[in-house]
C-alpha atoms as a PDB file:
ATOM      1  CA  MET A   1     -33.376 -22.075  21.206  1.00  0.00           C
ATOM      2  CA  ILE A   2     -34.022 -18.302  20.342  1.00  0.00           C
ATOM      3  CA  ARG A   3     -30.773 -17.532  22.186  1.00  0.00           C
ATOM      4  CA  TYR A   4     -28.896 -19.997  19.993  1.00  0.00           C
ATOM      5  CA  ALA A   5     -30.348 -18.581  16.847  1.00  0.00           C
ATOM      6  CA  LEU A   6     -29.079 -15.207  17.844  1.00  0.00           C
ATOM      7  CA  LEU A   7     -25.755 -16.457  18.996  1.00  0.00           C
ATOM      8  CA  VAL A   8     -24.662 -18.004  15.835  1.00  0.00           C
ATOM      9  CA  PRO A   9     -24.893 -14.942  13.572  1.00  0.00           C
ATOM     10  CA  ALA A  10     -23.286 -12.758  16.379  1.00  0.00           C
ATOM     11  CA  LEU A  11     -20.289 -15.103  16.585  1.00  0.00           C
ATOM     12  CA  ALA A  12     -20.095 -15.315  12.742  1.00  0.00           C
ATOM     13  CA  LEU A  13     -19.952 -11.564  12.652  1.00  0.00           C
ATOM     14  CA  ALA A  14     -17.195 -11.458  15.429  1.00  0.00           C
ATOM     15  CA  ALA A  15     -15.145 -13.977  13.514  1.00  0.00           C
ATOM     16  CA  GLY A  16     -15.405 -11.980  10.394  1.00  0.00           C
ATOM     17  CA  ALA A  17     -14.199  -8.723  12.083  1.00  0.00           C
ATOM     18  CA  ALA A  18     -11.256 -10.672  13.697  1.00  0.00           C
ATOM     19  CA  CYS A  19     -10.246 -11.968  10.237  1.00  0.00           C
ATOM     20  CA  ALA A  20     -10.624  -8.517   8.783  1.00  0.00           C
ATOM     21  CA  ASP A  21      -8.517  -7.075  11.579  1.00  0.00           C
ATOM     22  CA  GLU A  22      -5.963  -9.777  11.104  1.00  0.00           C
ATOM     23  CA  ARG A  23      -5.744  -9.117   7.273  1.00  0.00           C
ATOM     24  CA  SER A  24      -5.335  -5.496   7.752  1.00  0.00           C
ATOM     25  CA  ALA A  25      -2.533  -5.703  10.424  1.00  0.00           C
ATOM     26  CA  ALA A  26      -0.748  -8.225   8.263  1.00  0.00           C
ATOM     27  CA  LEU A  27      -0.963  -5.856   5.205  1.00  0.00           C
ATOM     28  CA  VAL A  28       0.263  -2.886   7.236  1.00  0.00           C
ATOM     29  CA  ALA A  29       3.237  -4.962   8.565  1.00  0.00           C
ATOM     30  CA  ALA A  30       4.078  -6.071   5.189  1.00  0.00           C
ATOM     31  CA  PHE A  31       3.966  -2.387   3.973  1.00  0.00           C
ATOM     32  CA  GLN A  32       6.284  -1.425   6.863  1.00  0.00           C
ATOM     33  CA  GLU A  33       8.722  -4.072   6.083  1.00  0.00           C
ATOM     34  CA  SER A  34       8.667  -3.889   2.257  1.00  0.00           C
ATOM     35  CA  CYS A  35       8.128  -0.175   1.849  1.00  0.00           C
ATOM     36  CA  ILE A  36       8.841   1.950   4.853  1.00  0.00           C
ATOM     37  CA  ALA A  37      11.830   0.348   6.687  1.00  0.00           C
ATOM     38  CA  GLU A  38      13.960   2.152   4.080  1.00  0.00           C
ATOM     39  CA  LEU A  39      13.505   4.782   1.367  1.00  0.00           C
ATOM     40  CA  PRO A  40      11.775   3.399  -1.821  1.00  0.00           C
ATOM     41  CA  ASN A  41      14.512   1.873  -4.066  1.00  0.00           C
ATOM     42  CA  PHE A  42      13.502  -0.053  -7.368  1.00  0.00           C
ATOM     43  CA  ALA A  43      16.699  -2.117  -7.488  1.00  0.00           C
ATOM     44  CA  ARG A  44      16.421  -3.209  -3.823  1.00  0.00           C
ATOM     45  CA  THR A  45      12.832  -4.065  -4.018  1.00  0.00           C
ATOM     46  CA  GLN A  46      13.437  -6.098  -7.216  1.00  0.00           C
ATOM     47  CA  ALA A  47      16.441  -7.798  -5.669  1.00  0.00           C
ATOM     48  CA  ARG A  48      14.267  -8.759  -2.538  1.00  0.00           C
ATOM     49  CA  ALA A  49      11.575 -10.015  -4.955  1.00  0.00           C
ATOM     50  CA  ILE A  50      14.077 -12.039  -6.779  1.00  0.00           C
ATOM     51  CA  ALA A  51      15.603 -13.644  -3.626  1.00  0.00           C
ATOM     52  CA  ASP A  52      12.111 -14.516  -2.349  1.00  0.00           C
ATOM     53  CA  ASN A  53      11.288 -16.104  -5.700  1.00  0.00           C
ATOM     54  CA  LEU A  54       8.251 -13.916  -6.094  1.00  0.00           C
ATOM     55  CA  PRO A  55       6.253 -14.296  -9.305  1.00  0.00           C
ATOM     56  CA  VAL A  56       6.197 -11.217 -11.498  1.00  0.00           C
ATOM     57  CA  ASN A  57       2.832  -9.879 -12.070  1.00  0.00           C
ATOM     58  CA  ILE A  58       3.546  -6.694 -14.010  1.00  0.00           C
ATOM     59  CA  ASP A  59       6.704  -5.446 -15.773  1.00  0.00           C
ATOM     60  CA  ALA A  60       5.709  -2.289 -17.794  1.00  0.00           C
ATOM     61  CA  GLY A  61       7.311   0.950 -18.995  1.00  0.00           C
ATOM     62  CA  VAL A  62      11.027   1.959 -19.754  1.00  0.00           C
ATOM     63  CA  PRO A  63      13.629   0.819 -17.406  1.00  0.00           C
ATOM     64  CA  ARG A  64      15.990   3.406 -15.930  1.00  0.00           C
ATOM     65  CA  GLN A  65      18.146   5.320 -18.407  1.00  0.00           C
ATOM     66  CA  PRO A  66      21.339   7.222 -17.827  1.00  0.00           C
ATOM     67  CA  GLU A  67      19.877  10.254 -19.550  1.00  0.00           C
ATOM     68  CA  GLY A  68      16.325  11.496 -20.359  1.00  0.00           C
ATOM     69  CA  PRO A  69      13.040  10.340 -19.224  1.00  0.00           C
ATOM     70  CA  PHE A  70      11.875   6.879 -18.056  1.00  0.00           C
ATOM     71  CA  ASN A  71       9.036   5.354 -16.178  1.00  0.00           C
ATOM     72  CA  HIS A  72       9.297   1.845 -14.999  1.00  0.00           C
ATOM     73  CA  LEU A  73       6.764  -0.212 -12.918  1.00  0.00           C
ATOM     74  CA  LYS A  74       7.273  -3.832 -11.777  1.00  0.00           C
ATOM     75  CA  SER A  75       4.971  -5.819  -9.495  1.00  0.00           C
ATOM     76  CA  TRP A  76       5.046  -9.075  -7.781  1.00  0.00           C
ATOM     77  CA  ILE A  77       2.472 -11.285  -6.146  1.00  0.00           C
ATOM     78  CA  VAL A  78       3.249 -12.118  -2.448  1.00  0.00           C
ATOM     79  CA  ALA A  79       1.441 -14.750  -0.518  1.00  0.00           C
ATOM     80  CA  LEU A  80       0.639 -14.255   3.281  1.00  0.00           C
ATOM     81  CA  ALA A  81      -1.246 -16.563   5.664  1.00  0.00           C
ATOM     82  CA  THR A  82      -4.181 -14.064   5.385  1.00  0.00           C
ATOM     83  CA  GLY A  83      -4.193 -13.757   1.677  1.00  0.00           C
ATOM     84  CA  SER A  84      -2.009 -12.627  -1.298  1.00  0.00           C
ATOM     85  CA  TYR A  85      -1.121  -8.876  -2.180  1.00  0.00           C
ATOM     86  CA  GLU A  86       0.753  -7.194  -4.941  1.00  0.00           C
ATOM     87  CA  LEU A  87       3.989  -5.514  -4.154  1.00  0.00           C
ATOM     88  CA  SER A  88       4.986  -2.771  -6.619  1.00  0.00           C
ATOM     89  CA  ALA A  89       8.153  -0.765  -7.181  1.00  0.00           C
ATOM     90  CA  VAL A  90       8.097   2.250  -9.448  1.00  0.00           C
ATOM     91  CA  GLU A  91      11.063   4.564 -10.611  1.00  0.00           C
ATOM     92  CA  ALA A  92      10.404   7.536 -13.006  1.00  0.00           C
ATOM     93  CA  ARG A  93      12.109  10.643 -14.374  1.00  0.00           C
ATOM     94  CA  GLY A  94      10.429  13.417 -16.283  1.00  0.00           C
ATOM     95  CA  PRO A  95       9.950  17.196 -16.289  1.00  0.00           C
ATOM     96  CA  ALA A  96       8.574  17.158 -12.736  1.00  0.00           C
ATOM     97  CA  GLY A  97      11.575  15.453 -11.471  1.00  0.00           C
ATOM     98  CA  GLU A  98      12.875  11.937 -10.473  1.00  0.00           C
ATOM     99  CA  VAL A  99      10.754   9.720  -7.986  1.00  0.00           C
ATOM    100  CA  ALA A 100      10.973   6.332  -6.559  1.00  0.00           C
ATOM    101  CA  ALA A 101       7.968   4.555  -5.076  1.00  0.00           C
ATOM    102  CA  CYS A 102       6.892   1.266  -3.380  1.00  0.00           C
ATOM    103  CA  ALA A 103       3.423   0.139  -2.742  1.00  0.00           C
ATOM    104  CA  ILE A 104       1.192  -2.766  -1.622  1.00  0.00           C
ATOM    105  CA  THR A 105      -2.242  -3.328  -3.203  1.00  0.00           C
ATOM    106  CA  ALA A 106      -4.946  -5.709  -1.793  1.00  0.00           C
ATOM    107  CA  ALA A 107      -8.280  -6.073  -3.519  1.00  0.00           C
ATOM    108  CA  ASP A 108      -9.854  -7.621  -0.392  1.00  0.00           C
ATOM    109  CA  ALA A 109      -8.750  -5.291   2.264  1.00  0.00           C
ATOM    110  CA  HIS A 110     -10.986  -3.148   4.358  1.00  0.00           C
ATOM    111  CA  GLY A 111      -9.865   0.378   3.722  1.00  0.00           C
ATOM    112  CA  GLU A 112     -11.009   1.842   7.008  1.00  0.00           C
ATOM    113  CA  GLU A 113      -9.451  -0.922   9.051  1.00  0.00           C
ATOM    114  CA  VAL A 114      -6.067  -0.578   6.918  1.00  0.00           C
ATOM    115  CA  LYS A 115      -6.233   3.207   7.573  1.00  0.00           C
ATOM    116  CA  GLN A 116      -6.558   2.736  11.337  1.00  0.00           C
ATOM    117  CA  ASP A 117      -3.867  -0.009  11.423  1.00  0.00           C
ATOM    118  CA  LEU A 118      -1.770   2.269   9.493  1.00  0.00           C
ATOM    119  CA  ALA A 119      -2.178   5.260  11.595  1.00  0.00           C
ATOM    120  CA  LYS A 120      -1.466   3.345  14.803  1.00  0.00           C
ATOM    121  CA  ALA A 121       1.493   1.595  13.333  1.00  0.00           C
ATOM    122  CA  LEU A 122       2.954   4.961  12.026  1.00  0.00           C
ATOM    123  CA  ASP A 123       1.691   7.252  14.731  1.00  0.00           C
ATOM    124  CA  LEU A 124      -0.139   9.267  12.079  1.00  0.00           C
ATOM    125  CA  GLY A 125      -2.417  12.059  12.892  1.00  0.00           C
ATOM    126  CA  PRO A 126      -5.398  13.025  10.635  1.00  0.00           C
ATOM    127  CA  ALA A 127      -4.682  12.864   6.937  1.00  0.00           C
ATOM    128  CA  GLU A 128      -3.055  16.285   5.712  1.00  0.00           C
ATOM    129  CA  ARG A 129      -5.097  15.795   2.614  1.00  0.00           C
ATOM    130  CA  GLU A 130      -8.173  13.809   2.024  1.00  0.00           C
ATOM    131  CA  ARG A 131     -10.882  13.601  -0.585  1.00  0.00           C
ATOM    132  CA  VAL A 132     -13.394  11.244  -2.132  1.00  0.00           C
ATOM    133  CA  SER A 133     -13.208  11.105  -5.989  1.00  0.00           C
ATOM    134  CA  PRO A 134     -16.325  10.848  -8.193  1.00  0.00           C
ATOM    135  CA  ASP A 135     -15.724   7.169  -8.562  1.00  0.00           C
ATOM    136  CA  GLY A 136     -16.008   6.778  -4.949  1.00  0.00           C
ATOM    137  CA  LEU A 137     -12.347   6.086  -3.847  1.00  0.00           C
ATOM    138  CA  ARG A 138     -10.943   7.833  -0.785  1.00  0.00           C
ATOM    139  CA  ARG A 139      -7.405   9.325  -1.149  1.00  0.00           C
ATOM    140  CA  SER A 140      -5.748  10.156   2.037  1.00  0.00           C
ATOM    141  CA  ALA A 141      -2.249  11.549   2.124  1.00  0.00           C
ATOM    142  CA  TRP A 142       0.413  12.443   4.688  1.00  0.00           C
ATOM    143  CA  HIS A 143       3.978  13.600   4.789  1.00  0.00           C
ATOM    144  CA  VAL A 144       6.150  11.204   6.825  1.00  0.00           C
ATOM    145  CA  LYS A 145       9.860  10.974   7.427  1.00  0.00           C
ATOM    146  CA  ILE A 146      11.924   7.893   6.493  1.00  0.00           C
ATOM    147  CA  GLN A 147      15.702   8.098   7.181  1.00  0.00           C
ATOM    148  CA  ALA A 148      15.389  11.990   7.772  1.00  0.00           C
ATOM    149  CA  GLU A 149      13.800  12.295   4.227  1.00  0.00           C
ATOM    150  CA  THR A 150      10.266  13.648   3.799  1.00  0.00           C
ATOM    151  CA  VAL A 151       8.258  11.402   1.639  1.00  0.00           C
ATOM    152  CA  ILE A 152       4.435  11.085   0.578  1.00  0.00           C
ATOM    153  CA  LEU A 153       2.343   8.529   2.109  1.00  0.00           C
ATOM    154  CA  LEU A 154      -0.810   7.817   0.041  1.00  0.00           C
ATOM    155  CA  LEU A 155      -3.636   5.531   1.026  1.00  0.00           C
ATOM    156  CA  ILE A 156      -6.360   4.910  -1.640  1.00  0.00           C
ATOM    157  CA  ASP A 157      -9.436   2.908  -0.586  1.00  0.00           C
ATOM    158  CA  ALA A 158     -12.959   2.172  -1.548  1.00  0.00           C
ATOM    159  CA  THR A 159     -14.616   2.681   1.945  1.00  0.00           C
ATOM    160  CA  PRO A 160     -16.972   5.424   0.864  1.00  0.00           C
ATOM    161  CA  THR A 161     -18.714   2.781  -1.580  1.00  0.00           C
ATOM    162  CA  ASN A 162     -18.591   0.019   1.112  1.00  0.00           C
ATOM    163  CA  ALA A 163     -16.262  -1.899  -1.158  1.00  0.00           C
ATOM    164  CA  PRO A 164     -13.081  -3.664  -0.407  1.00  0.00           C
ATOM    165  CA  GLY A 165      -9.684  -2.616  -1.636  1.00  0.00           C
ATOM    166  CA  ALA A 166      -6.732  -0.747  -0.364  1.00  0.00           C
ATOM    167  CA  TYR A 167      -3.497   0.662  -1.931  1.00  0.00           C
ATOM    168  CA  MET A 168      -0.718   2.047   0.161  1.00  0.00           C
ATOM    169  CA  ASN A 169       2.001   3.938  -1.334  1.00  0.00           C
ATOM    170  CA  ILE A 170       5.256   5.702  -0.361  1.00  0.00           C
ATOM    171  CA  THR A 171       6.795   8.003  -2.792  1.00  0.00           C
ATOM    172  CA  HIS A 172      10.126   9.759  -2.497  1.00  0.00           C
ATOM    173  CA  ARG A 173      11.180  12.643  -4.751  1.00  0.00           C
ATOM    174  CA  LEU A 174      14.861  12.019  -5.656  1.00  0.00           C
ATOM    175  CA  VAL A 175      15.411  15.046  -7.849  1.00  0.00           C
ATOM    176  CA  ALA A 176      13.095  18.035  -8.311  1.00  0.00           C
ATOM    177  CA  GLY A 177      11.971  18.958 -11.746  1.00  0.00           C
ATOM    178  CA  SER A 178      13.059  21.880 -13.878  1.00  0.00           C
END
């Protein structure tokens, strides 16, 4: 009877770890497909979201302008078998230059598992920059190559506070600032 009492919690913990690993792997796979397969491109991400009939979550800022500054963020909710996540696209131009970005956010993701799965999937070494902010969020950054272009990969997670949540972002600088 005592063995059974110890076995049930152990099985529950093992099942929870398998679910978390599955969730993390699914999020990293979605990030690879949506954001890393090609350089970030707002119009392409938006076209795919429309084709997939994804519901818009946020559409904020000023859309692309032929001249002058703009900053446009649009996000969609994507459903996976392991749970939903937010896919976002950003395009911006200002004094620092012009950038395009693609990101995935999942409030329930386990940051350390996402980091490990991301490192494995992209063959990443240790983060080139990593710090924990006063609010307890860990920011890890790498420079990676996509289509022969160097881009910034950023992972923000709440692992230091033992809380869930992960944000994976690829940012490509299209034009340097003045």
